[in-house]
Amino acid sequence: MEKRKQPIDIQYKQLLEALVDRRIVPNKWLEQHKQIRDAIAALYQELPLASDQLVKFRAKKPIHDNINYFDCKFIFQCLEQSKEGAAKNLFGQYTSPVLKQWNALIRQYEKKNIYAAETARLIAQNTAFEIPFLKKSIVQNEKQVADNNRKIADLTRSIAEYKRKLKVSCADMGIAGEHFRDELRRLPLELPNMFKKVAESICCNEIASAIEYHQALQTFLHDCEVPAIQPITESSTSTSLKKAKKSKKKGKKLIEVVEESGSTTDEPFELVVAPHNFFDALKELCSASDELNDANATLHFEAEAEDIGWDISLGESDTADGSGIDWGIETVASTEPAAAAEDTPVEIDWNIPTSDVVEPVSEMNDTEGTDVVETVPYMPDSAEKITRVGLLDQSEFRTRAVNDLLELRAFLRQRLLELSGSDSVAFANQFQGSSPLLEQQSSAKIEELQAVVDKALSLLTDKRLQQLLLIKTSERYLDRHVASLEMLTKHMDKCRREIHALEDKNIALIDATKNVQPQINSLVTTTKKLKKELEAVLPSLFMGYKVNVVGEVNSL
């Protein structure tokens, strides 16, 4: 008797297996259980709400999938206490068909102890699968919410970084950043003022002094005098030969270019090109006008065309007779007969004076003299008013100006090294008796001139100036610059959309977590209740032994 009173501990996972092994439940109990579930599905839909308890129960479990054996017994008890259980026959049996059907359903459960197998399976399923799955889903939702919050923080930092880059880019370009293309198109209007500052930095006394110093040193070293074009005659042969010998003694570097004439004359001539002239672009810039034209001025071509006097007479006499037009061509009268004149070409007077024509040198006397050709710069018409801004607006002229400034900077650096070197005294002594400009130079003065040249060069090669010139001249550069700015705004918009999407996901996850927690609580309550009710009926199945269901079910 004492041995019978000892309880039996069975793991909740092995409870169903223990019922089958002890033959308390048949091996094929699922077939009978399926018939019972089909009957519950049919009866539960037609269940009359005869009492308040049934109404609450139906609201708590609206579908039949969650109905078990103990729920069926509760429904039967509620029906007995209602009007359905009041009608009985002479033998004390219920006459209500609903009660009869639910009573038969309970007997099917109790036949071969199917209810015990179903309850054991529900306890194992809820404890091992359903409740852990829901708890894991809550943990995953919370982790995903934390990850989304971290991504939102990263995207917020990215938006701030894109804003900073956009602000810096707009500040570098000097635009507000609202309408990129329109604002960038208006930037080239600043070029005249920028060119004026560049011209002022170049056309200053310091750079003029540096150029003068460069020319003085070139004259001292090479003694270059620019020769002029002179016709060579026999009388000047001896003089030209003496000058040529004298120039060779002085070390003049003249480039001789001999070109044979293609005319019928046998008198070739020799050309001597003068040495290179430095700083033509800087001199041309300084000699130009410093007025600043209105950048917004427009040209009215039609109004200007009306003011032009074409000096064309539309008289009948002029149009009828073409001989009235003076073409500026004179013909030489011929004294020969007409027959001979037809075969002779007409001599045309081109109205070209011969005083400026250089006579060619005969082949026999090619060593008697040379012609020196000097490159004459183009002198614009006085009506064409060239300004410094207009010159700097030309790409070719800017290149020439940069080359001149680089030449001047390299020259000043070399002079500074020579003056500040260990042999500076010997270097300075070689200019004794030369130009005062060379004698009085010092390293401090050279450094001052070099600083001014560096400033002018930096203004001319300024990054912003180059950008404005590219915006003005290149539509593709403007498109690329606008695209780079718009790309930053697109990145910011994309980050904002991702932030909104992540926030919506977080809201959905939080709502799902709130909905899952009541399900877990309901399953835990139901599982504990099933365990308690099953432990109450198991002793009758285990020959009076008390059975304890152990395992994780007790720690829910």
Protein backbone atom coordinates (compact mmCIF):
# COMPACT_ATOMS: atom_id res chain seq x y z
CA MET A 1 0.00 0.00 0.00
CA GLU A 2 2.84 2.40 0.75
CA LYS A 3 4.34 1.63 -2.65
CA ARG A 4 1.08 2.54 -4.41
CA LYS A 5 1.06 5.96 -2.85
CA GLN A 6 4.34 6.98 -4.46
CA PRO A 7 3.59 9.33 -7.42
CA ILE A 8 4.79 8.73 -10.94
CA ASP A 9 6.72 11.55 -12.62
CA ILE A 10 6.39 11.68 -16.40
CA GLN A 11 7.96 14.24 -18.71
CA TYR A 12 5.36 16.23 -20.61
CA LYS A 13 7.00 15.21 -23.92
CA GLN A 14 6.76 11.49 -23.03
CA LEU A 15 3.25 11.57 -21.59
CA LEU A 16 1.51 10.61 -24.85
CA GLU A 17 4.06 7.87 -25.46
CA ALA A 18 3.48 6.52 -21.92
CA LEU A 19 -0.28 6.40 -22.53
CA VAL A 20 0.21 4.44 -25.74
CA ASP A 21 2.82 2.09 -24.23
CA ARG A 22 0.57 1.26 -21.30
CA ARG A 23 -2.27 0.66 -23.79
CA ILE A 24 -4.41 3.23 -22.11
CA VAL A 25 -4.80 4.81 -25.55
CA PRO A 26 -4.84 2.75 -28.77
CA ASN A 27 -2.12 3.18 -31.37
CA LYS A 28 -4.61 4.42 -33.98
CA TRP A 29 -6.33 6.91 -31.75
CA LEU A 30 -5.91 9.68 -34.36
CA GLU A 31 -8.58 8.10 -36.59
CA GLN A 32 -11.20 8.26 -33.86
CA HIS A 33 -9.94 11.72 -32.84
CA LYS A 34 -10.51 13.00 -36.39
CA GLN A 35 -14.15 11.87 -36.25
CA ILE A 36 -14.56 13.68 -32.94
CA ARG A 37 -13.09 16.92 -34.38
CA ASP A 38 -15.46 16.78 -37.33
CA ALA A 39 -18.40 16.40 -34.97
CA ILE A 40 -17.21 19.37 -32.88
CA ALA A 41 -16.93 21.53 -36.04
CA ALA A 42 -20.55 20.77 -36.90
CA LEU A 43 -21.99 21.15 -33.39
CA TYR A 44 -20.09 24.29 -32.38
CA GLN A 45 -21.48 26.30 -35.29
CA GLU A 46 -25.05 25.45 -34.18
CA LEU A 47 -24.46 25.90 -30.46
CA PRO A 48 -27.39 27.83 -28.94
CA LEU A 49 -26.40 30.73 -26.69
CA ALA A 50 -28.79 29.65 -23.94
CA SER A 51 -26.88 31.34 -21.07
CA ASP A 52 -24.50 34.18 -20.39
CA GLN A 53 -21.70 31.73 -19.74
CA LEU A 54 -22.08 30.32 -23.25
CA VAL A 55 -22.08 33.84 -24.70
CA LYS A 56 -18.81 34.69 -22.96
CA PHE A 57 -17.30 31.34 -23.89
CA ARG A 58 -18.26 31.78 -27.54
CA ALA A 59 -16.75 35.26 -27.58
CA LYS A 60 -13.54 33.94 -26.03
CA LYS A 61 -13.24 31.03 -28.49
CA PRO A 62 -15.00 31.99 -31.71
CA ILE A 63 -13.69 28.99 -33.73
CA HIS A 64 -13.86 25.28 -32.99
CA ASP A 65 -10.14 24.59 -33.42
CA ASN A 66 -9.41 25.54 -29.81
CA ILE A 67 -12.15 23.34 -28.31
CA ASN A 68 -10.95 20.33 -26.27
CA TYR A 69 -12.52 17.63 -24.12
CA PHE A 70 -12.79 19.80 -21.01
CA ASP A 71 -14.41 22.61 -23.02
CA CYS A 72 -17.00 20.13 -24.30
CA LYS A 73 -17.82 19.13 -20.72
CA PHE A 74 -18.16 22.82 -19.77
CA ILE A 75 -20.54 23.44 -22.69
CA PHE A 76 -22.61 20.38 -21.70
CA GLN A 77 -22.86 21.64 -18.12
CA CYS A 78 -23.99 25.08 -19.30
CA LEU A 79 -26.65 23.48 -21.53
CA GLU A 80 -27.90 21.37 -18.62
CA GLN A 81 -28.41 24.49 -16.52
CA SER A 82 -30.27 26.25 -19.30
CA LYS A 83 -33.73 25.69 -20.75
CA GLU A 84 -32.31 22.93 -22.91
CA GLY A 85 -31.77 20.72 -19.86
CA ALA A 86 -35.20 21.28 -18.33
CA ALA A 87 -37.00 18.92 -20.73
CA LYS A 88 -36.67 15.22 -19.75
CA ASN A 89 -38.67 12.08 -20.49
CA LEU A 90 -40.09 9.52 -18.06
CA PHE A 91 -36.76 7.75 -17.82
CA GLY A 92 -34.91 10.97 -16.84
CA GLN A 93 -33.22 11.31 -20.17
CA TYR A 94 -32.86 14.65 -21.94
CA THR A 95 -35.23 15.23 -24.80
CA SER A 96 -33.23 18.17 -26.25
CA PRO A 97 -31.35 17.06 -29.40
CA VAL A 98 -28.50 19.50 -28.64
CA LEU A 99 -27.85 17.92 -25.27
CA LYS A 100 -28.03 14.46 -26.78
CA GLN A 101 -25.43 15.36 -29.41
CA TRP A 102 -23.00 16.93 -26.95
CA ASN A 103 -23.48 14.01 -24.54
CA ALA A 104 -22.66 11.55 -27.34
CA LEU A 105 -19.58 13.63 -28.23
CA ILE A 106 -18.28 13.45 -24.65
CA ARG A 107 -18.80 9.67 -24.60
CA GLN A 108 -16.75 9.34 -27.80
CA TYR A 109 -13.96 11.29 -26.08
CA GLU A 110 -14.08 9.01 -23.04
CA LYS A 111 -14.21 5.85 -25.14
CA LYS A 112 -10.69 4.38 -25.20
CA ASN A 113 -9.45 7.49 -23.34
CA ILE A 114 -9.05 9.62 -26.48
CA TYR A 115 -9.37 12.78 -24.37
CA ALA A 116 -6.18 11.88 -22.41
CA ALA A 117 -4.16 11.50 -25.62
CA GLU A 118 -5.52 14.79 -27.01
CA THR A 119 -4.74 16.66 -23.77
CA ALA A 120 -1.22 15.21 -23.55
CA ARG A 121 -0.54 16.26 -27.16
CA LEU A 122 -1.87 19.80 -26.54
CA ILE A 123 0.35 20.21 -23.46
CA ALA A 124 3.43 19.02 -25.33
CA GLN A 125 2.64 21.14 -28.42
CA ASN A 126 1.99 24.33 -26.46
CA THR A 127 5.00 23.91 -24.19
CA ALA A 128 7.55 22.82 -26.80
CA PHE A 129 6.43 24.76 -29.89
CA GLU A 130 3.66 27.36 -29.68
CA ILE A 131 4.76 29.32 -26.62
CA PRO A 132 8.53 29.31 -27.48
CA PHE A 133 7.73 30.35 -31.04
CA LEU A 134 5.67 33.32 -29.89
CA LYS A 135 8.30 34.31 -27.34
CA LYS A 136 10.99 34.05 -30.00
CA SER A 137 8.94 36.21 -32.35
CA ILE A 138 8.77 38.88 -29.65
CA VAL A 139 12.55 38.75 -29.21
CA GLN A 140 13.06 38.97 -32.97
CA ASN A 141 10.65 41.87 -33.25
CA GLU A 142 12.44 43.74 -30.48
CA LYS A 143 15.81 43.03 -32.10
CA GLN A 144 14.54 44.19 -35.48
CA VAL A 145 13.16 47.35 -33.91
CA ALA A 146 16.57 48.02 -32.35
CA ASP A 147 18.28 47.39 -35.70
CA ASN A 148 15.84 49.71 -37.44
CA ASN A 149 16.51 52.40 -34.85
CA ARG A 150 20.23 52.01 -35.46
CA LYS A 151 19.68 52.30 -39.22
CA ILE A 152 17.52 55.37 -38.69
CA ALA A 153 20.33 56.95 -36.66
CA ASP A 154 22.85 56.11 -39.41
CA LEU A 155 20.57 57.51 -42.11
CA THR A 156 20.03 60.66 -40.05
CA ARG A 157 23.80 61.11 -39.83
CA SER A 158 24.06 60.50 -43.58
CA ILE A 159 21.45 63.19 -44.24
CA ALA A 160 23.40 65.60 -42.05
CA GLU A 161 26.60 64.75 -43.93
CA TYR A 162 24.93 65.23 -47.33
CA LYS A 163 23.53 68.55 -46.12
CA ARG A 164 26.99 69.61 -45.02
CA LYS A 165 28.52 68.65 -48.37
CA LEU A 166 25.76 70.44 -50.25
CA LYS A 167 26.18 73.52 -48.10
CA VAL A 168 29.94 73.52 -48.62
CA SER A 169 29.56 73.04 -52.39
CA CYS A 170 27.01 75.83 -52.64
CA ALA A 171 29.18 78.09 -50.47
CA ASP A 172 32.21 77.39 -52.69
CA MET A 173 30.20 78.29 -55.77
CA GLY A 174 28.46 81.21 -54.07
CA ILE A 175 24.89 80.06 -54.67
CA ALA A 176 21.89 79.69 -52.38
CA GLY A 177 21.20 76.06 -53.37
CA GLU A 178 17.52 76.40 -54.31
CA HIS A 179 17.59 76.37 -58.14
CA PHE A 180 20.99 74.98 -59.06
CA ARG A 181 20.95 75.48 -62.84
CA ASP A 182 19.57 79.02 -62.81
CA GLU A 183 21.92 80.11 -60.05
CA LEU A 184 24.95 78.59 -61.78
CA ARG A 185 24.02 80.27 -65.06
CA ARG A 186 24.10 83.66 -63.32
CA LEU A 187 27.58 83.09 -61.87
CA PRO A 188 29.52 84.10 -65.05
CA LEU A 189 28.15 87.62 -64.55
CA GLU A 190 30.84 87.95 -61.87
CA LEU A 191 33.65 87.40 -64.39
CA PRO A 192 34.08 91.10 -65.37
CA ASN A 193 34.73 92.12 -61.78
CA MET A 194 37.10 89.19 -61.29
CA PHE A 195 38.94 90.04 -64.51
CA LYS A 196 39.19 93.65 -63.37
CA LYS A 197 40.90 92.55 -60.13
CA VAL A 198 43.27 90.33 -62.11
CA ALA A 199 44.10 93.21 -64.45
CA GLU A 200 44.73 95.54 -61.52
CA SER A 201 47.09 93.01 -59.93
CA ILE A 202 49.00 92.59 -63.21
CA CYS A 203 49.07 96.24 -64.27
CA CYS A 204 50.83 97.48 -61.16
CA ASN A 205 54.15 99.22 -60.67
CA GLU A 206 55.84 96.19 -59.12
CA ILE A 207 55.23 93.94 -62.13
CA ALA A 208 56.25 96.77 -64.45
CA SER A 209 59.48 97.08 -62.46
CA ALA A 210 60.04 93.33 -62.69
CA ILE A 211 59.55 93.41 -66.46
CA GLU A 212 61.95 96.36 -66.73
CA TYR A 213 64.48 94.47 -64.62
CA HIS A 214 64.12 91.43 -66.89
CA GLN A 215 64.61 93.52 -70.02
CA ALA A 216 67.62 95.32 -68.54
CA LEU A 217 69.30 92.02 -67.70
CA GLN A 218 68.53 90.62 -71.17
CA THR A 219 70.04 93.72 -72.74
CA PHE A 220 73.13 93.46 -70.55
CA LEU A 221 73.67 89.75 -71.26
CA HIS A 222 72.85 89.64 -74.97
CA ASP A 223 72.91 93.30 -76.07
CA CYS A 224 69.87 92.60 -78.25
CA GLU A 225 68.88 95.56 -80.36
CA VAL A 226 65.80 95.00 -82.47
CA PRO A 227 66.91 95.52 -86.09
CA ALA A 228 64.73 97.27 -88.66
CA ILE A 229 63.95 96.35 -92.24
CA GLN A 230 66.25 98.18 -94.67
CA PRO A 231 66.61 97.75 -98.38
CA ILE A 232 70.06 96.52 -99.41
CA THR A 233 71.86 98.54 -102.09
CA GLU A 234 75.31 98.40 -103.50
CA SER A 235 76.31 101.59 -101.73
CA SER A 236 75.53 100.09 -98.38
CA THR A 237 77.27 96.80 -98.98
CA SER A 238 80.44 97.69 -97.16
CA THR A 239 78.52 99.23 -94.26
CA SER A 240 76.34 96.14 -93.86
CA LEU A 241 79.40 93.90 -93.92
CA LYS A 242 81.02 95.94 -91.15
CA LYS A 243 77.85 95.77 -89.08
CA ALA A 244 77.65 92.03 -89.62
CA LYS A 245 81.23 91.54 -88.46
CA LYS A 246 80.63 93.81 -85.49
CA SER A 247 77.50 91.88 -84.51
CA LYS A 248 79.42 88.62 -84.62
CA LYS A 249 82.07 90.08 -82.34
CA LYS A 250 79.41 91.16 -79.83
CA GLY A 251 77.86 87.72 -79.86
CA LYS A 252 74.54 88.58 -81.42
CA LYS A 253 72.28 85.57 -81.91
CA LEU A 254 70.47 86.16 -85.18
CA ILE A 255 68.49 83.49 -87.00
CA GLU A 256 69.16 83.56 -90.71
CA VAL A 257 66.34 82.44 -92.92
CA VAL A 258 67.21 82.33 -96.60
CA GLU A 259 64.29 82.12 -98.97
CA GLU A 260 64.59 81.89 -102.70
CA SER A 261 62.19 84.08 -104.62
CA GLY A 262 59.76 82.39 -106.97
CA SER A 263 59.45 85.37 -109.34
CA THR A 264 61.15 85.79 -112.68
CA THR A 265 63.85 87.99 -111.13
CA ASP A 266 67.21 86.54 -110.18
CA GLU A 267 67.59 88.58 -106.99
CA PRO A 268 67.08 86.45 -103.81
CA PHE A 269 66.96 88.06 -100.40
CA GLU A 270 67.89 87.02 -96.87
CA LEU A 271 65.65 87.42 -93.77
CA VAL A 272 66.86 87.79 -90.22
CA VAL A 273 64.20 87.29 -87.52
CA ALA A 274 64.54 89.39 -84.38
CA PRO A 275 64.82 87.66 -80.98
CA HIS A 276 61.73 86.76 -79.00
CA ASN A 277 59.98 89.61 -77.23
CA PHE A 278 58.95 88.69 -73.71
CA PHE A 279 55.81 89.82 -71.89
CA ASP A 280 53.85 90.95 -74.95
CA ALA A 281 50.60 89.83 -73.33
CA LEU A 282 51.28 91.75 -70.11
CA LYS A 283 52.23 94.88 -72.02
CA GLU A 284 49.13 94.59 -74.20
CA LEU A 285 46.97 94.20 -71.10
CA CYS A 286 48.47 97.23 -69.42
CA SER A 287 48.04 99.34 -72.53
CA ALA A 288 44.35 98.41 -72.91
CA SER A 289 41.48 100.38 -71.43
CA ASP A 290 40.54 99.62 -67.85
CA GLU A 291 36.85 100.44 -68.29
CA LEU A 292 34.33 97.80 -67.19
CA ASN A 293 31.63 97.16 -69.77
CA ASP A 294 28.13 96.38 -68.68
CA ALA A 295 27.76 92.61 -68.67
CA ASN A 296 24.03 92.85 -69.19
CA ALA A 297 24.24 95.11 -72.26
CA THR A 298 22.62 93.70 -75.39
CA LEU A 299 23.41 94.34 -79.02
CA HIS A 300 20.61 95.81 -81.13
CA PHE A 301 21.68 94.70 -84.58
CA GLU A 302 18.66 96.08 -86.43
CA ALA A 303 19.04 99.59 -84.99
CA GLU A 304 22.74 99.64 -85.83
CA ALA A 305 22.09 98.46 -89.36
CA GLU A 306 19.79 101.40 -89.98
CA ASP A 307 22.54 103.87 -89.04
CA ILE A 308 25.07 102.43 -91.51
CA GLY A 309 25.53 104.48 -94.68
CA TRP A 310 26.32 102.04 -97.44
CA ASP A 311 26.99 104.85 -100.07
CA ILE A 312 25.16 102.91 -102.76
CA SER A 313 23.28 104.98 -105.36
CA LEU A 314 20.28 103.35 -107.01
CA GLY A 315 20.00 105.85 -109.87
CA GLU A 316 18.94 104.64 -113.31
CA SER A 317 22.09 105.91 -114.97
CA ASP A 318 24.25 103.94 -112.56
CA THR A 319 22.35 100.71 -112.94
CA ALA A 320 21.91 100.97 -116.65
CA ASP A 321 25.53 101.64 -117.48
CA GLY A 322 28.15 99.73 -115.62
CA SER A 323 30.84 102.09 -116.85
CA GLY A 324 29.80 104.65 -114.26
CA ILE A 325 31.25 102.57 -111.45
CA ASP A 326 34.81 103.36 -110.44
CA TRP A 327 36.37 100.01 -109.58
CA GLY A 328 39.74 101.58 -108.68
CA ILE A 329 41.50 99.73 -111.53
CA GLU A 330 43.56 101.69 -114.07
CA THR A 331 44.71 100.24 -117.36
CA VAL A 332 47.85 101.31 -119.19
CA ALA A 333 47.17 102.76 -122.63
CA SER A 334 48.68 100.75 -125.44
CA THR A 335 50.45 102.38 -128.45
CA GLU A 336 50.60 99.14 -130.42
CA PRO A 337 48.11 98.17 -133.10
CA ALA A 338 44.84 96.60 -132.12
CA ALA A 339 45.74 93.24 -133.53
CA ALA A 340 48.83 93.06 -131.40
CA ALA A 341 47.03 94.39 -128.34
CA GLU A 342 44.62 91.48 -128.32
CA ASP A 343 47.45 89.04 -127.71
CA THR A 344 49.12 91.20 -125.08
CA PRO A 345 47.91 90.90 -121.45
CA VAL A 346 46.51 94.05 -119.95
CA GLU A 347 48.60 95.65 -117.26
CA ILE A 348 46.57 96.40 -114.13
CA ASP A 349 47.48 99.15 -111.74
CA TRP A 350 46.80 97.70 -108.26
CA ASN A 351 47.40 101.09 -106.59
CA ILE A 352 50.20 99.65 -104.45
CA PRO A 353 53.10 102.04 -103.71
CA THR A 354 56.52 100.67 -104.40
CA SER A 355 58.30 102.77 -101.83
CA ASP A 356 57.76 100.16 -99.12
CA VAL A 357 58.78 97.19 -101.25
CA VAL A 358 62.11 95.65 -100.31
CA GLU A 359 64.28 95.10 -103.31
CA PRO A 360 65.63 91.55 -103.57
CA VAL A 361 69.35 90.90 -103.46
CA SER A 362 71.02 89.45 -106.47
CA GLU A 363 72.48 85.97 -106.25
CA MET A 364 75.94 87.27 -107.01
CA ASN A 365 75.83 89.71 -104.07
CA ASP A 366 74.02 87.55 -101.50
CA THR A 367 76.67 88.29 -98.89
CA GLU A 368 76.60 92.01 -99.27
CA GLY A 369 73.69 92.65 -96.87
CA THR A 370 70.69 91.21 -95.08
CA ASP A 371 67.09 92.27 -94.52
CA VAL A 372 65.86 92.19 -90.93
CA VAL A 373 62.14 91.40 -90.53
CA GLU A 374 60.56 92.61 -87.33
CA THR A 375 57.24 91.17 -86.20
CA VAL A 376 54.82 94.06 -85.98
CA PRO A 377 51.97 93.46 -83.52
CA TYR A 378 48.43 93.85 -84.70
CA MET A 379 47.14 97.33 -84.02
CA PRO A 380 43.37 97.40 -83.83
CA ASP A 381 41.30 100.14 -85.29
CA SER A 382 40.77 103.12 -83.07
CA ALA A 383 37.02 102.53 -83.28
CA GLU A 384 37.52 99.12 -81.67
CA LYS A 385 37.98 99.87 -78.01
CA ILE A 386 39.83 96.95 -76.43
CA THR A 387 39.43 96.64 -72.68
CA ARG A 388 41.39 94.64 -70.17
CA VAL A 389 38.30 92.62 -69.30
CA GLY A 390 37.78 91.84 -72.97
CA LEU A 391 41.34 90.63 -73.34
CA LEU A 392 41.20 88.43 -70.25
CA ASP A 393 37.93 86.96 -71.50
CA GLN A 394 39.88 85.39 -74.38
CA SER A 395 41.23 81.94 -73.59
CA GLU A 396 44.28 82.33 -75.82
CA PHE A 397 45.22 85.64 -74.22
CA ARG A 398 44.88 84.19 -70.72
CA THR A 399 47.25 81.39 -71.70
CA ARG A 400 49.78 83.93 -72.95
CA ALA A 401 49.43 85.98 -69.77
CA VAL A 402 49.95 82.89 -67.59
CA ASN A 403 53.06 81.96 -69.58
CA ASP A 404 54.45 85.47 -69.18
CA LEU A 405 53.81 85.44 -65.43
CA LEU A 406 55.43 82.00 -65.12
CA GLU A 407 58.44 83.28 -67.05
CA LEU A 408 58.66 86.33 -64.81
CA ARG A 409 58.32 84.24 -61.64
CA ALA A 410 61.03 81.81 -62.74
CA PHE A 411 63.29 84.75 -63.59
CA LEU A 412 62.79 86.36 -60.18
CA ARG A 413 63.38 83.07 -58.37
CA GLN A 414 66.63 82.56 -60.21
CA ARG A 415 67.76 86.10 -59.43
CA LEU A 416 66.84 85.60 -55.76
CA LEU A 417 68.95 82.43 -55.58
CA GLU A 418 71.88 84.22 -57.17
CA LEU A 419 71.60 87.24 -54.87
CA SER A 420 71.20 85.16 -51.70
CA GLY A 421 73.92 82.65 -52.53
CA SER A 422 77.44 82.47 -51.16
CA ASP A 423 78.87 84.11 -54.28
CA SER A 424 76.35 86.96 -54.27
CA VAL A 425 79.14 89.57 -54.03
CA ALA A 426 80.80 88.29 -57.17
CA PHE A 427 77.43 88.15 -58.88
CA ALA A 428 76.70 91.79 -57.96
CA ASN A 429 80.18 92.99 -59.00
CA GLN A 430 79.70 91.85 -62.58
CA PHE A 431 77.03 94.52 -63.04
CA GLN A 432 79.36 97.37 -62.07
CA GLY A 433 79.21 100.13 -64.66
CA SER A 434 75.99 98.77 -66.20
CA SER A 435 72.45 99.98 -65.78
CA PRO A 436 71.61 101.44 -62.33
CA LEU A 437 68.60 99.13 -62.27
CA LEU A 438 70.92 96.12 -62.19
CA GLU A 439 73.36 97.61 -59.71
CA GLN A 440 70.78 98.59 -57.10
CA GLN A 441 68.84 95.29 -56.93
CA SER A 442 68.69 93.46 -53.60
CA SER A 443 67.19 90.21 -52.36
CA ALA A 444 64.52 92.10 -50.37
CA LYS A 445 63.39 93.95 -53.48
CA ILE A 446 63.32 90.71 -55.49
CA GLU A 447 61.20 89.03 -52.81
CA GLU A 448 58.75 91.92 -52.92
CA LEU A 449 58.45 91.67 -56.70
CA GLN A 450 58.09 87.89 -56.52
CA ALA A 451 55.24 88.18 -53.99
CA VAL A 452 53.34 90.50 -56.33
CA VAL A 453 53.88 88.16 -59.29
CA ASP A 454 52.73 85.16 -57.25
CA LYS A 455 49.59 87.03 -56.21
CA ALA A 456 48.75 87.96 -59.80
CA LEU A 457 49.36 84.40 -60.97
CA SER A 458 47.18 82.97 -58.20
CA LEU A 459 44.35 85.34 -59.14
CA LEU A 460 44.60 84.42 -62.81
CA THR A 461 44.67 80.67 -62.09
CA ASP A 462 42.11 80.79 -59.29
CA LYS A 463 39.90 77.70 -59.08
CA ARG A 464 36.68 79.69 -58.89
CA LEU A 465 37.67 81.73 -61.94
CA GLN A 466 38.32 78.55 -63.91
CA GLN A 467 34.98 77.11 -62.78
CA LEU A 468 33.08 80.21 -63.87
CA LEU A 469 34.82 80.15 -67.24
CA LEU A 470 33.91 76.48 -67.70
CA ILE A 471 30.30 77.20 -66.73
CA LYS A 472 30.22 80.01 -69.27
CA THR A 473 31.80 78.10 -72.15
CA SER A 474 30.83 74.47 -71.53
CA GLU A 475 27.25 73.30 -71.28
CA ARG A 476 28.39 69.78 -70.44
CA TYR A 477 30.41 71.04 -67.47
CA LEU A 478 27.33 72.89 -66.25
CA ASP A 479 25.26 69.71 -66.60
CA ARG A 480 27.82 67.68 -64.64
CA HIS A 481 28.00 70.30 -61.90
CA VAL A 482 24.21 70.47 -61.62
CA ALA A 483 24.05 66.65 -61.61
CA SER A 484 26.59 66.44 -58.76
CA LEU A 485 24.54 68.87 -56.66
CA GLU A 486 21.26 67.17 -57.51
CA MET A 487 22.80 63.81 -56.59
CA LEU A 488 23.28 65.04 -53.02
CA THR A 489 19.63 66.08 -52.80
CA LYS A 490 18.56 62.71 -54.25
CA HIS A 491 20.63 60.91 -51.62
CA MET A 492 18.96 62.95 -48.91
CA ASP A 493 15.49 62.20 -50.31
CA LYS A 494 16.34 58.50 -50.50
CA CYS A 495 17.53 58.49 -46.89
CA ARG A 496 14.34 60.23 -45.80
CA ARG A 497 12.21 57.65 -47.62
CA GLU A 498 14.15 54.83 -45.97
CA ILE A 499 13.69 56.46 -42.58
CA HIS A 500 9.92 56.70 -43.12
CA ALA A 501 9.81 53.05 -44.23
CA LEU A 502 11.79 51.92 -41.17
CA GLU A 503 9.56 53.94 -38.87
CA ASP A 504 6.48 52.28 -40.41
CA LYS A 505 8.10 48.87 -39.90
CA ASN A 506 8.82 49.68 -36.28
CA ILE A 507 5.20 50.66 -35.71
CA ALA A 508 4.03 47.38 -37.28
CA LEU A 509 6.52 45.35 -35.22
CA ILE A 510 5.53 47.05 -31.99
CA ASP A 511 1.85 46.41 -32.73
CA ALA A 512 2.61 42.76 -33.53
CA THR A 513 4.49 42.41 -30.25
CA LYS A 514 1.56 43.87 -28.38
CA ASN A 515 -0.78 41.38 -30.06
CA VAL A 516 1.51 38.40 -29.46
CA GLN A 517 1.88 38.91 -25.74
CA PRO A 518 -1.83 38.27 -24.97
CA GLN A 519 -1.66 35.10 -27.06
CA ILE A 520 1.27 33.89 -25.00
CA ASN A 521 -0.55 34.64 -21.78
CA SER A 522 -3.64 32.81 -23.02
CA LEU A 523 -1.65 29.76 -24.09
CA VAL A 524 0.21 29.65 -20.78
CA THR A 525 -3.06 29.83 -18.85
CA THR A 526 -4.68 27.17 -21.03
CA THR A 527 -1.67 24.84 -20.81
CA LYS A 528 -1.47 25.08 -17.02
CA LYS A 529 -5.20 24.45 -16.77
CA LEU A 530 -4.97 21.39 -19.05
CA LYS A 531 -2.05 20.04 -17.01
CA LYS A 532 -4.00 20.43 -13.79
CA GLU A 533 -7.14 18.80 -15.18
CA LEU A 534 -5.17 15.95 -16.78
CA GLU A 535 -3.28 15.22 -13.56
CA ALA A 536 -6.66 14.98 -11.83
CA VAL A 537 -7.95 12.22 -14.17
CA LEU A 538 -4.70 10.31 -14.74
CA PRO A 539 -4.77 8.32 -11.43
CA SER A 540 -7.86 6.49 -12.61
CA LEU A 541 -5.97 5.48 -15.76
CA PHE A 542 -2.75 4.53 -13.96
CA MET A 543 -4.34 2.13 -11.47
CA GLY A 544 -4.67 4.73 -8.74
CA TYR A 545 -1.12 6.05 -8.99
CA LYS A 546 -0.77 9.77 -8.80
CA VAL A 547 0.90 11.10 -11.92
CA ASN A 548 2.94 14.29 -11.96
CA VAL A 549 3.65 15.92 -15.32
CA VAL A 550 7.14 17.42 -15.03
CA GLY A 551 9.41 19.43 -17.30
CA GLU A 552 9.28 22.91 -18.79
CA VAL A 553 5.52 22.97 -18.48
CA ASN A 554 5.94 23.80 -14.81
CA SER A 555 8.12 26.86 -15.57
CA LEU A 556 5.85 28.59 -18.06
